[in-house]
Amino acid sequence: DNVNCNGTEERLVDCAHNGWAEHNCAHGEDVGVYCSNETAVISNLRLSGSDNVSEGRVEVLYGGIWGSVCNRAWDFSDAQVVCKQLGYDYTVAAVTASKFFGEGSGPVWLEDVACSGNESALKDCEMATIGSSGCSHSRDAGVICSATAYEIPVRLAGGEGAWEGRVEVQIRGEWGTVCDDDWDLKDANVLCRSLGFNSALEVTRAFGPGTGEIWLDNVQCQGSEDSIVKCRHNTVGNHNCRHSEDVGIRCNYIRPTTTVPTPTSTMVTPSP
């Protein structure tokens, strides 16, 4: 137990450890390894599970074996790096792969990936130790990339006009809602500006529950983003909400008023 090698030892028994039979473990914690004659580095990257080559489950090649990436902490910045590495100029979304592309197989190589978005390759991002993930394939991460500029459609539904309503986004042609967990005026302001309004007035559930998928949860914008999809949030499709928690907003909108024309009189000059 508690084996702690520095990497230069020739045998495992030469590493520091508790001592023979000294442990506080059950067999559910038994460790395993994958061995290969190849150098153990992340040597390649691919998208799997979709007929569209610009989207799919993110998989990396490590030690000659393909494996997936856990969606824990996976966000838009991570997806940007993947899309960039694969040659796409635009990133549409970071998604939960099992929702769209099915679950992977084999090892889950990466977890807690934390890219800034400026890296040229996924292997350059901060992450947990390769192969240490405790995630199941139901949490595999995925991305949607694009070769052309594309913004995820957003709308406000159920209100009196385009300035208010339940927040809905369209992913791969299907409209879905947004959960109100962590949602505040910063998030509402980003959304209102993206719809052409100056700012948000309030956050509300007044527009009732939606139907279909709940696409976004735990949205946390800084306030400077130009789209809520670029804000920090759970991967698309990953949530713990019901439609009773669907969020709605009202944007700052001055309604047009009907102006009643002021009657004008014509001065008639009497004939002499």
C-alpha atoms as a PDB file:
ATOM      1  CA  ASP A   1       0.000   0.000   0.000  1.00  0.00           C
ATOM      2  CA  ASN A   2       1.040   3.651  -0.536  1.00  0.00           C
ATOM      3  CA  VAL A   3       3.670   2.725  -3.123  1.00  0.00           C
ATOM      4  CA  ASN A   4       5.656   5.852  -3.989  1.00  0.00           C
ATOM      5  CA  CYS A   5       8.228   5.408  -6.783  1.00  0.00           C
ATOM      6  CA  ASN A   6      10.410   8.217  -8.069  1.00  0.00           C
ATOM      7  CA  GLY A   7      10.558   6.533 -11.499  1.00  0.00           C
ATOM      8  CA  THR A   8      14.178   5.439 -11.580  1.00  0.00           C
ATOM      9  CA  GLU A   9      13.820   2.170  -9.658  1.00  0.00           C
ATOM     10  CA  GLU A  10      14.317  -1.117 -11.522  1.00  0.00           C
ATOM     11  CA  ARG A  11      11.762  -3.080  -9.475  1.00  0.00           C
ATOM     12  CA  LEU A  12       8.493  -2.104  -7.808  1.00  0.00           C
ATOM     13  CA  VAL A  13       9.713  -3.531  -4.495  1.00  0.00           C
ATOM     14  CA  ASP A  14      12.552  -0.997  -4.533  1.00  0.00           C
ATOM     15  CA  CYS A  15      10.025   1.878  -4.264  1.00  0.00           C
ATOM     16  CA  ALA A  16       8.913   3.331  -0.943  1.00  0.00           C
ATOM     17  CA  HIS A  17       5.796   1.587   0.466  1.00  0.00           C
ATOM     18  CA  ASN A  18       4.123   0.671   3.737  1.00  0.00           C
ATOM     19  CA  GLY A  19       5.732  -2.754   3.960  1.00  0.00           C
ATOM     20  CA  TRP A  20       4.493  -6.203   3.116  1.00  0.00           C
ATOM     21  CA  ALA A  21       0.802  -6.764   4.020  1.00  0.00           C
ATOM     22  CA  GLU A  22       0.576  -3.340   5.703  1.00  0.00           C
ATOM     23  CA  HIS A  23      -2.531  -1.660   4.263  1.00  0.00           C
ATOM     24  CA  ASN A  24      -6.024  -0.286   4.953  1.00  0.00           C
ATOM     25  CA  CYS A  25      -7.534  -1.289   1.577  1.00  0.00           C
ATOM     26  CA  ALA A  26     -10.239  -3.564   0.166  1.00  0.00           C
ATOM     27  CA  HIS A  27      -9.913  -5.434  -3.148  1.00  0.00           C
ATOM     28  CA  GLY A  28     -12.136  -2.829  -4.776  1.00  0.00           C
ATOM     29  CA  GLU A  29      -9.035  -0.613  -4.676  1.00  0.00           C
ATOM     30  CA  ASP A  30      -6.696  -3.070  -6.438  1.00  0.00           C
ATOM     31  CA  VAL A  31      -4.604  -1.174  -8.999  1.00  0.00           C
ATOM     32  CA  GLY A  32      -3.808  -2.226 -12.559  1.00  0.00           C
ATOM     33  CA  VAL A  33      -1.586  -0.937 -15.365  1.00  0.00           C
ATOM     34  CA  TYR A  34      -1.437  -0.942 -19.158  1.00  0.00           C
ATOM     35  CA  CYS A  35       2.035  -1.681 -20.544  1.00  0.00           C
ATOM     36  CA  SER A  36       3.332  -0.887 -24.019  1.00  0.00           C
ATOM     37  CA  ASN A  37       6.602  -0.813 -25.944  1.00  0.00           C
ATOM     38  CA  GLU A  38       5.686   2.676 -27.165  1.00  0.00           C
ATOM     39  CA  THR A  39       6.667   5.809 -25.287  1.00  0.00           C
ATOM     40  CA  ALA A  40       3.831   6.603 -22.882  1.00  0.00           C
ATOM     41  CA  VAL A  41       2.710  10.014 -24.066  1.00  0.00           C
ATOM     42  CA  ILE A  42      -0.544  11.339 -25.482  1.00  0.00           C
ATOM     43  CA  SER A  43       0.423  10.824 -29.102  1.00  0.00           C
ATOM     44  CA  ASN A  44      -2.841  11.373 -30.950  1.00  0.00           C
ATOM     45  CA  LEU A  45      -6.412  12.651 -30.670  1.00  0.00           C
ATOM     46  CA  ARG A  46      -9.655  11.721 -32.429  1.00  0.00           C
ATOM     47  CA  LEU A  47     -13.429  12.209 -32.330  1.00  0.00           C
ATOM     48  CA  SER A  48     -15.572   9.060 -32.299  1.00  0.00           C
ATOM     49  CA  GLY A  49     -19.229   8.088 -32.361  1.00  0.00           C
ATOM     50  CA  SER A  50     -20.586  10.422 -35.037  1.00  0.00           C
ATOM     51  CA  ASP A  51     -20.967  10.331 -38.806  1.00  0.00           C
ATOM     52  CA  ASN A  52     -19.969  13.999 -38.786  1.00  0.00           C
ATOM     53  CA  VAL A  53     -16.171  14.251 -38.586  1.00  0.00           C
ATOM     54  CA  SER A  54     -16.363  17.641 -36.823  1.00  0.00           C
ATOM     55  CA  GLU A  55     -18.038  16.266 -33.691  1.00  0.00           C
ATOM     56  CA  GLY A  56     -17.811  13.288 -31.398  1.00  0.00           C
ATOM     57  CA  ARG A  57     -16.518  11.671 -28.252  1.00  0.00           C
ATOM     58  CA  VAL A  58     -12.991  12.868 -27.444  1.00  0.00           C
ATOM     59  CA  GLU A  59     -10.454  10.032 -27.389  1.00  0.00           C
ATOM     60  CA  VAL A  60      -6.686  10.154 -26.903  1.00  0.00           C
ATOM     61  CA  LEU A  61      -4.000   7.633 -27.748  1.00  0.00           C
ATOM     62  CA  TYR A  62      -1.766   6.878 -24.785  1.00  0.00           C
ATOM     63  CA  GLY A  63       0.797   4.077 -24.715  1.00  0.00           C
ATOM     64  CA  GLY A  64      -0.661   2.707 -27.960  1.00  0.00           C
ATOM     65  CA  ILE A  65      -4.184   2.379 -26.478  1.00  0.00           C
ATOM     66  CA  TRP A  66      -7.161   4.609 -27.271  1.00  0.00           C
ATOM     67  CA  GLY A  67      -9.173   5.877 -24.303  1.00  0.00           C
ATOM     68  CA  SER A  68     -11.696   8.572 -23.476  1.00  0.00           C
ATOM     69  CA  VAL A  69     -11.767  11.753 -21.399  1.00  0.00           C
ATOM     70  CA  CYS A  70     -13.948  12.297 -18.315  1.00  0.00           C
ATOM     71  CA  ASN A  71     -16.292  15.295 -18.474  1.00  0.00           C
ATOM     72  CA  ARG A  72     -15.454  16.350 -14.903  1.00  0.00           C
ATOM     73  CA  ALA A  73     -14.406  20.032 -15.236  1.00  0.00           C
ATOM     74  CA  TRP A  74     -14.688  19.760 -19.056  1.00  0.00           C
ATOM     75  CA  ASP A  75     -15.735  23.111 -20.523  1.00  0.00           C
ATOM     76  CA  PHE A  76     -15.694  25.366 -23.592  1.00  0.00           C
ATOM     77  CA  SER A  77     -11.986  26.215 -23.221  1.00  0.00           C
ATOM     78  CA  ASP A  78     -11.074  22.513 -23.303  1.00  0.00           C
ATOM     79  CA  ALA A  79     -13.288  21.993 -26.349  1.00  0.00           C
ATOM     80  CA  GLN A  80     -11.597  24.955 -28.060  1.00  0.00           C
ATOM     81  CA  VAL A  81      -8.190  23.307 -27.731  1.00  0.00           C
ATOM     82  CA  VAL A  82      -9.494  19.989 -29.106  1.00  0.00           C
ATOM     83  CA  CYS A  83     -11.130  21.682 -32.098  1.00  0.00           C
ATOM     84  CA  LYS A  84      -8.015  23.756 -32.732  1.00  0.00           C
ATOM     85  CA  GLN A  85      -5.771  20.686 -32.573  1.00  0.00           C
ATOM     86  CA  LEU A  86      -8.004  18.914 -35.109  1.00  0.00           C
ATOM     87  CA  GLY A  87      -7.844  21.877 -37.495  1.00  0.00           C
ATOM     88  CA  TYR A  88     -11.216  23.521 -36.889  1.00  0.00           C
ATOM     89  CA  ASP A  89     -11.409  27.288 -36.579  1.00  0.00           C
ATOM     90  CA  TYR A  90     -14.623  27.349 -34.569  1.00  0.00           C
ATOM     91  CA  THR A  91     -15.916  25.608 -31.444  1.00  0.00           C
ATOM     92  CA  VAL A  92     -19.654  25.128 -31.005  1.00  0.00           C
ATOM     93  CA  ALA A  93     -19.940  23.344 -27.647  1.00  0.00           C
ATOM     94  CA  ALA A  94     -18.438  21.073 -25.012  1.00  0.00           C
ATOM     95  CA  VAL A  95     -20.883  18.195 -24.500  1.00  0.00           C
ATOM     96  CA  THR A  96     -21.471  14.991 -22.566  1.00  0.00           C
ATOM     97  CA  ALA A  97     -20.609  12.386 -25.186  1.00  0.00           C
ATOM     98  CA  SER A  98     -23.008   9.690 -23.971  1.00  0.00           C
ATOM     99  CA  LYS A  99     -25.913  12.058 -24.666  1.00  0.00           C
ATOM    100  CA  PHE A 100     -24.974  12.427 -28.320  1.00  0.00           C
ATOM    101  CA  PHE A 101     -22.273  10.001 -29.429  1.00  0.00           C
ATOM    102  CA  GLY A 102     -22.567   6.992 -27.117  1.00  0.00           C
ATOM    103  CA  GLU A 103     -20.217   5.687 -24.448  1.00  0.00           C
ATOM    104  CA  GLY A 104     -16.623   4.765 -25.175  1.00  0.00           C
ATOM    105  CA  SER A 105     -14.777   1.609 -24.169  1.00  0.00           C
ATOM    106  CA  GLY A 106     -11.380   0.824 -22.733  1.00  0.00           C
ATOM    107  CA  PRO A 107      -9.636   3.140 -20.274  1.00  0.00           C
ATOM    108  CA  VAL A 108     -10.721   6.657 -19.314  1.00  0.00           C
ATOM    109  CA  TRP A 109      -7.325   8.286 -19.701  1.00  0.00           C
ATOM    110  CA  LEU A 110      -7.934  11.912 -18.739  1.00  0.00           C
ATOM    111  CA  GLU A 111      -9.820  13.746 -16.001  1.00  0.00           C
ATOM    112  CA  ASP A 112      -9.983  17.281 -14.572  1.00  0.00           C
ATOM    113  CA  VAL A 113      -8.651  18.768 -17.816  1.00  0.00           C
ATOM    114  CA  ALA A 114      -8.169  22.518 -17.341  1.00  0.00           C
ATOM    115  CA  CYS A 115      -7.166  24.282 -20.555  1.00  0.00           C
ATOM    116  CA  SER A 116      -6.929  28.052 -20.796  1.00  0.00           C
ATOM    117  CA  GLY A 117      -7.986  27.862 -24.432  1.00  0.00           C
ATOM    118  CA  ASN A 118      -4.649  29.136 -25.726  1.00  0.00           C
ATOM    119  CA  GLU A 119      -2.882  25.766 -25.854  1.00  0.00           C
ATOM    120  CA  SER A 120      -2.209  24.223 -29.269  1.00  0.00           C
ATOM    121  CA  ALA A 121      -2.819  20.636 -28.103  1.00  0.00           C
ATOM    122  CA  LEU A 122      -4.796  18.902 -25.370  1.00  0.00           C
ATOM    123  CA  LYS A 123      -1.650  17.306 -23.942  1.00  0.00           C
ATOM    124  CA  ASP A 124      -0.369  20.789 -23.054  1.00  0.00           C
ATOM    125  CA  CYS A 125      -3.298  21.508 -20.707  1.00  0.00           C
ATOM    126  CA  GLU A 126      -3.271  20.955 -16.973  1.00  0.00           C
ATOM    127  CA  MET A 127      -4.934  17.691 -15.944  1.00  0.00           C
ATOM    128  CA  ALA A 128      -4.969  14.943 -13.353  1.00  0.00           C
ATOM    129  CA  THR A 129      -2.419  12.139 -13.627  1.00  0.00           C
ATOM    130  CA  ILE A 130      -3.057  10.186 -16.820  1.00  0.00           C
ATOM    131  CA  GLY A 131      -4.927   6.979 -16.066  1.00  0.00           C
ATOM    132  CA  SER A 132      -6.022   8.011 -12.562  1.00  0.00           C
ATOM    133  CA  SER A 133      -9.650   8.741 -13.461  1.00  0.00           C
ATOM    134  CA  GLY A 134     -12.438   7.186 -11.450  1.00  0.00           C
ATOM    135  CA  CYS A 135     -15.078   8.102 -14.056  1.00  0.00           C
ATOM    136  CA  SER A 136     -17.323   5.670 -15.887  1.00  0.00           C
ATOM    137  CA  HIS A 137     -17.925   5.956 -19.628  1.00  0.00           C
ATOM    138  CA  SER A 138     -21.300   7.559 -18.948  1.00  0.00           C
ATOM    139  CA  ARG A 139     -19.230  10.688 -18.238  1.00  0.00           C
ATOM    140  CA  ASP A 140     -17.161  10.660 -21.427  1.00  0.00           C
ATOM    141  CA  ALA A 141     -16.527  14.159 -22.792  1.00  0.00           C
ATOM    142  CA  GLY A 142     -17.327  15.259 -26.326  1.00  0.00           C
ATOM    143  CA  VAL A 143     -17.078  18.312 -28.541  1.00  0.00           C
ATOM    144  CA  ILE A 144     -18.871  19.897 -31.472  1.00  0.00           C
ATOM    145  CA  CYS A 145     -16.505  21.788 -33.789  1.00  0.00           C
ATOM    146  CA  SER A 146     -17.156  23.706 -36.990  1.00  0.00           C
ATOM    147  CA  ALA A 147     -15.166  24.731 -40.036  1.00  0.00           C
ATOM    148  CA  THR A 148     -17.289  27.872 -40.402  1.00  0.00           C
ATOM    149  CA  ALA A 149     -18.510  30.505 -37.956  1.00  0.00           C
ATOM    150  CA  TYR A 150     -21.484  29.202 -36.000  1.00  0.00           C
ATOM    151  CA  GLU A 151     -23.358  30.400 -32.943  1.00  0.00           C
ATOM    152  CA  ILE A 152     -25.742  28.157 -31.015  1.00  0.00           C
ATOM    153  CA  PRO A 153     -29.276  29.555 -31.487  1.00  0.00           C
ATOM    154  CA  VAL A 154     -30.820  31.026 -28.326  1.00  0.00           C
ATOM    155  CA  ARG A 155     -34.384  32.234 -27.757  1.00  0.00           C
ATOM    156  CA  LEU A 156     -36.754  33.408 -25.046  1.00  0.00           C
ATOM    157  CA  ALA A 157     -40.023  31.454 -25.090  1.00  0.00           C
ATOM    158  CA  GLY A 158     -43.394  31.906 -23.423  1.00  0.00           C
ATOM    159  CA  GLY A 159     -43.235  35.676 -22.907  1.00  0.00           C
ATOM    160  CA  GLU A 160     -45.074  38.590 -24.471  1.00  0.00           C
ATOM    161  CA  GLY A 161     -42.214  39.320 -26.855  1.00  0.00           C
ATOM    162  CA  ALA A 162     -38.614  38.622 -27.791  1.00  0.00           C
ATOM    163  CA  TRP A 163     -37.379  40.554 -24.730  1.00  0.00           C
ATOM    164  CA  GLU A 164     -38.674  38.067 -22.133  1.00  0.00           C
ATOM    165  CA  GLY A 165     -39.309  34.383 -21.643  1.00  0.00           C
ATOM    166  CA  ARG A 166     -37.934  30.992 -20.693  1.00  0.00           C
ATOM    167  CA  VAL A 167     -34.309  30.594 -21.827  1.00  0.00           C
ATOM    168  CA  GLU A 168     -33.926  27.960 -24.529  1.00  0.00           C
ATOM    169  CA  VAL A 169     -30.922  26.900 -26.636  1.00  0.00           C
ATOM    170  CA  GLN A 170     -30.777  24.707 -29.727  1.00  0.00           C
ATOM    171  CA  ILE A 171     -28.245  21.886 -29.835  1.00  0.00           C
ATOM    172  CA  ARG A 172     -27.942  19.818 -33.022  1.00  0.00           C
ATOM    173  CA  GLY A 173     -31.373  20.961 -34.155  1.00  0.00           C
ATOM    174  CA  GLU A 174     -33.211  20.295 -30.878  1.00  0.00           C
ATOM    175  CA  TRP A 175     -34.439  23.068 -28.571  1.00  0.00           C
ATOM    176  CA  GLY A 176     -33.946  22.577 -24.834  1.00  0.00           C
ATOM    177  CA  THR A 177     -34.016  24.599 -21.641  1.00  0.00           C
ATOM    178  CA  VAL A 178     -31.531  25.936 -19.089  1.00  0.00           C
ATOM    179  CA  CYS A 179     -31.618  25.062 -15.369  1.00  0.00           C
ATOM    180  CA  ASP A 180     -31.604  27.943 -12.890  1.00  0.00           C
ATOM    181  CA  ASP A 181     -28.826  26.444 -10.701  1.00  0.00           C
ATOM    182  CA  ASP A 182     -26.203  29.203 -10.215  1.00  0.00           C
ATOM    183  CA  TRP A 183     -28.026  31.441 -12.713  1.00  0.00           C
ATOM    184  CA  ASP A 184     -27.927  35.138 -11.843  1.00  0.00           C
ATOM    185  CA  LEU A 185     -28.036  38.598 -13.436  1.00  0.00           C
ATOM    186  CA  LYS A 186     -24.517  38.218 -14.854  1.00  0.00           C
ATOM    187  CA  ASP A 187     -25.709  35.252 -16.907  1.00  0.00           C
ATOM    188  CA  ALA A 188     -28.909  37.078 -17.856  1.00  0.00           C
ATOM    189  CA  ASN A 189     -26.935  40.143 -18.971  1.00  0.00           C
ATOM    190  CA  VAL A 190     -24.753  38.023 -21.282  1.00  0.00           C
ATOM    191  CA  LEU A 191     -27.847  36.430 -22.809  1.00  0.00           C
ATOM    192  CA  CYS A 192     -29.734  39.712 -23.238  1.00  0.00           C
ATOM    193  CA  ARG A 193     -26.754  41.328 -24.955  1.00  0.00           C
ATOM    194  CA  SER A 194     -26.415  38.346 -27.291  1.00  0.00           C
ATOM    195  CA  LEU A 195     -30.053  38.911 -28.278  1.00  0.00           C
ATOM    196  CA  GLY A 196     -29.469  42.588 -28.999  1.00  0.00           C
ATOM    197  CA  PHE A 197     -30.697  44.133 -25.731  1.00  0.00           C
ATOM    198  CA  ASN A 198     -28.612  46.372 -23.488  1.00  0.00           C
ATOM    199  CA  SER A 199     -28.994  44.443 -20.234  1.00  0.00           C
ATOM    200  CA  ALA A 200     -31.229  42.236 -18.108  1.00  0.00           C
ATOM    201  CA  LEU A 201     -33.912  43.372 -15.692  1.00  0.00           C
ATOM    202  CA  GLU A 202     -34.589  40.186 -13.744  1.00  0.00           C
ATOM    203  CA  VAL A 203     -34.294  36.429 -13.443  1.00  0.00           C
ATOM    204  CA  THR A 204     -37.578  34.579 -13.008  1.00  0.00           C
ATOM    205  CA  ARG A 205     -39.438  31.267 -13.320  1.00  0.00           C
ATOM    206  CA  ALA A 206     -42.572  33.146 -14.382  1.00  0.00           C
ATOM    207  CA  PHE A 207     -42.661  31.631 -17.849  1.00  0.00           C
ATOM    208  CA  GLY A 208     -43.267  28.078 -16.687  1.00  0.00           C
ATOM    209  CA  PRO A 209     -41.570  24.765 -17.434  1.00  0.00           C
ATOM    210  CA  GLY A 210     -40.375  23.834 -20.887  1.00  0.00           C
ATOM    211  CA  THR A 211     -40.280  20.417 -22.563  1.00  0.00           C
ATOM    212  CA  GLY A 212     -37.642  18.201 -24.100  1.00  0.00           C
ATOM    213  CA  GLU A 213     -34.024  18.257 -23.010  1.00  0.00           C
ATOM    214  CA  ILE A 214     -32.423  20.399 -20.317  1.00  0.00           C
ATOM    215  CA  TRP A 215     -29.257  21.369 -22.137  1.00  0.00           C
ATOM    216  CA  LEU A 216     -27.399  23.633 -19.689  1.00  0.00           C
ATOM    217  CA  ASP A 217     -26.900  23.634 -15.918  1.00  0.00           C
ATOM    218  CA  ASN A 218     -24.693  25.559 -13.467  1.00  0.00           C
ATOM    219  CA  VAL A 219     -24.067  28.411 -15.913  1.00  0.00           C
ATOM    220  CA  GLN A 220     -21.587  30.876 -14.392  1.00  0.00           C
ATOM    221  CA  CYS A 221     -20.712  33.814 -16.642  1.00  0.00           C
ATOM    222  CA  GLN A 222     -18.124  36.417 -15.736  1.00  0.00           C
ATOM    223  CA  GLY A 223     -20.211  38.970 -17.600  1.00  0.00           C
ATOM    224  CA  SER A 224     -17.892  39.777 -20.510  1.00  0.00           C
ATOM    225  CA  GLU A 225     -18.751  36.750 -22.683  1.00  0.00           C
ATOM    226  CA  ASP A 226     -20.684  37.216 -25.926  1.00  0.00           C
ATOM    227  CA  SER A 227     -22.616  33.938 -25.547  1.00  0.00           C
ATOM    228  CA  ILE A 228     -23.782  31.875 -22.572  1.00  0.00           C
ATOM    229  CA  VAL A 229     -22.301  28.799 -24.255  1.00  0.00           C
ATOM    230  CA  LYS A 230     -18.853  30.356 -23.698  1.00  0.00           C
ATOM    231  CA  CYS A 231     -19.549  30.781 -19.964  1.00  0.00           C
ATOM    232  CA  ARG A 232     -18.510  28.116 -17.490  1.00  0.00           C
ATOM    233  CA  HIS A 233     -21.211  25.441 -17.174  1.00  0.00           C
ATOM    234  CA  ASN A 234     -21.680  21.706 -16.972  1.00  0.00           C
ATOM    235  CA  THR A 235     -21.077  19.970 -20.273  1.00  0.00           C
ATOM    236  CA  VAL A 236     -24.127  20.224 -22.526  1.00  0.00           C
ATOM    237  CA  GLY A 237     -26.709  17.656 -21.420  1.00  0.00           C
ATOM    238  CA  ASN A 238     -25.201  17.076 -17.967  1.00  0.00           C
ATOM    239  CA  HIS A 239     -27.611  18.279 -15.252  1.00  0.00           C
ATOM    240  CA  ASN A 240     -29.514  17.305 -12.098  1.00  0.00           C
ATOM    241  CA  CYS A 241     -32.621  19.416 -12.755  1.00  0.00           C
ATOM    242  CA  ARG A 242     -36.306  19.139 -13.579  1.00  0.00           C
ATOM    243  CA  HIS A 243     -38.237  21.423 -15.899  1.00  0.00           C
ATOM    244  CA  SER A 244     -39.730  23.147 -12.849  1.00  0.00           C
ATOM    245  CA  GLU A 245     -36.264  24.714 -12.514  1.00  0.00           C
ATOM    246  CA  ASP A 246     -36.173  26.118 -16.060  1.00  0.00           C
ATOM    247  CA  VAL A 247     -34.895  29.678 -15.889  1.00  0.00           C
ATOM    248  CA  GLY A 248     -36.459  32.711 -17.514  1.00  0.00           C
ATOM    249  CA  ILE A 249     -35.361  36.322 -17.859  1.00  0.00           C
ATOM    250  CA  ARG A 250     -36.596  39.762 -18.776  1.00  0.00           C
ATOM    251  CA  CYS A 251     -34.308  41.985 -20.795  1.00  0.00           C
ATOM    252  CA  ASN A 252     -34.182  45.763 -20.604  1.00  0.00           C
ATOM    253  CA  TYR A 253     -36.609  46.762 -23.326  1.00  0.00           C
ATOM    254  CA  ILE A 254     -38.542  49.973 -23.834  1.00  0.00           C
ATOM    255  CA  ARG A 255     -41.903  49.100 -25.255  1.00  0.00           C
ATOM    256  CA  PRO A 256     -43.090  51.350 -28.065  1.00  0.00           C
ATOM    257  CA  THR A 257     -45.913  53.659 -27.059  1.00  0.00           C
ATOM    258  CA  THR A 258     -48.804  54.601 -29.267  1.00  0.00           C
ATOM    259  CA  THR A 259     -48.708  58.331 -29.830  1.00  0.00           C
ATOM    260  CA  VAL A 260     -52.036  59.962 -30.475  1.00  0.00           C
ATOM    261  CA  PRO A 261     -51.512  62.701 -33.063  1.00  0.00           C
ATOM    262  CA  THR A 262     -52.308  66.206 -31.833  1.00  0.00           C
ATOM    263  CA  PRO A 263     -55.165  67.637 -33.896  1.00  0.00           C
ATOM    264  CA  THR A 264     -54.115  70.574 -36.018  1.00  0.00           C
ATOM    265  CA  SER A 265     -56.386  73.408 -37.062  1.00  0.00           C
ATOM    266  CA  THR A 266     -56.271  75.288 -40.265  1.00  0.00           C
ATOM    267  CA  MET A 267     -56.734  79.016 -40.035  1.00  0.00           C
ATOM    268  CA  VAL A 268     -59.241  80.191 -42.593  1.00  0.00           C
ATOM    269  CA  THR A 269     -58.976  83.818 -43.557  1.00  0.00           C
ATOM    270  CA  PRO A 270     -62.433  85.203 -44.329  1.00  0.00           C
ATOM    271  CA  SER A 271     -62.877  86.781 -47.678  1.00  0.00           C
ATOM    272  CA  PRO A 272     -63.208  90.569 -47.664  1.00  0.00           C
END
